[in-house]
Amino acid sequence: MHPFADPRFVESIRHHFVCLTGRYLVFDKSGNQTSVDDFAFSGFVIEIMGCWCFVTAGHGIDEINKIVEHPQAQLSRTGFA
């Protein structure tokens, strides 16, 4: 039986799936806000030696890093849902 077909497996992991959401602001070179954009990336939470870790696909982390490193963008908020 495939693990996803086993209801016990699905029940055991379903509480670990989460969505990392966020909003960021974009500014022009004069400092005027030009847009507000949202993002959402799915993943799951695991605990490793008492530390909670969010596991997601690499492209999601790449996108967030681009926002953080962009000189005309600013993260406004983030959270898990």
Protein backbone atom coordinates (compact mmCIF):
# COMPACT_ATOMS: atom_id res chain seq x y z
CA MET A 1 0.00 0.00 0.00
CA HIS A 2 1.29 3.45 -0.88
CA PRO A 3 1.84 5.56 2.29
CA PHE A 4 -0.54 8.29 1.08
CA ALA A 5 -3.29 5.69 0.74
CA ASP A 6 -2.90 4.69 4.39
CA PRO A 7 -5.26 6.82 6.50
CA ARG A 8 -3.03 6.36 9.57
CA PHE A 9 -0.10 7.94 7.72
CA VAL A 10 -2.19 10.86 6.51
CA GLU A 11 -3.62 11.41 10.00
CA SER A 12 -0.14 11.38 11.55
CA ILE A 13 1.34 14.04 9.24
CA ARG A 14 -1.60 16.32 8.44
CA HIS A 15 -0.99 18.54 11.47
CA HIS A 16 2.56 19.27 10.30
CA PHE A 17 1.65 20.87 6.96
CA VAL A 18 1.68 24.67 7.08
CA CYS A 19 1.81 27.65 4.78
CA LEU A 20 4.39 30.42 5.16
CA THR A 21 2.69 33.64 4.11
CA GLY A 22 4.00 37.14 3.84
CA ARG A 23 3.51 40.61 2.47
CA TYR A 24 6.13 42.96 1.13
CA LEU A 25 6.20 46.54 -0.04
CA VAL A 26 7.96 47.78 -3.18
CA PHE A 27 9.31 51.33 -3.46
CA ASP A 28 10.59 53.41 -6.36
CA LYS A 29 14.02 55.05 -6.28
CA SER A 30 12.50 58.15 -4.65
CA GLY A 31 11.21 56.05 -1.74
CA ASN A 32 7.54 56.17 -2.76
CA GLN A 33 5.62 52.94 -2.29
CA THR A 34 4.60 51.54 -5.67
CA SER A 35 3.00 48.21 -4.75
CA VAL A 36 2.08 45.71 -2.06
CA ASP A 37 2.58 42.04 -2.89
CA ASP A 38 1.82 38.80 -1.07
CA PHE A 39 3.44 35.38 -1.16
CA ALA A 40 2.62 31.91 0.16
CA PHE A 41 4.74 28.76 0.24
CA SER A 42 3.64 25.39 1.51
CA GLY A 43 5.82 23.19 3.66
CA PHE A 44 5.88 21.23 6.87
CA VAL A 45 7.24 21.63 10.37
CA ILE A 46 9.54 19.13 12.04
CA GLU A 47 11.32 19.21 15.38
CA ILE A 48 15.03 18.45 15.51
CA MET A 49 16.61 18.30 18.97
CA GLY A 50 14.08 20.75 20.38
CA CYS A 51 14.28 23.21 17.48
CA TRP A 52 11.28 23.68 15.18
CA CYS A 53 12.24 23.72 11.50
CA PHE A 54 10.18 24.72 8.46
CA VAL A 55 10.89 22.56 5.42
CA THR A 56 9.87 23.84 1.99
CA ALA A 57 11.05 23.77 -1.61
CA GLY A 58 14.19 25.75 -2.36
CA HIS A 59 12.47 28.13 -4.78
CA GLY A 60 10.37 29.54 -1.94
CA ILE A 61 13.43 30.39 0.11
CA ASP A 62 15.08 31.87 -2.99
CA GLU A 63 12.08 34.15 -3.55
CA ILE A 64 12.10 35.36 0.05
CA ASN A 65 15.85 35.99 -0.13
CA LYS A 66 15.35 38.10 -3.27
CA ILE A 67 12.80 40.24 -1.43
CA VAL A 68 15.04 40.66 1.62
CA GLU A 69 18.09 41.53 -0.48
CA HIS A 70 16.29 43.88 -2.90
CA PRO A 71 17.13 47.51 -2.07
CA GLN A 72 13.64 48.73 -3.01
CA ALA A 73 11.60 46.05 -1.23
CA GLN A 74 10.69 45.60 2.41
CA LEU A 75 9.04 42.66 4.17
CA SER A 76 5.95 43.96 5.90
CA ARG A 77 4.84 40.79 7.69
CA THR A 78 5.23 37.03 7.68
CA GLY A 79 3.50 34.18 9.43
CA PHE A 80 2.43 30.57 9.36
CA ALA A 81 -1.09 29.42 8.62
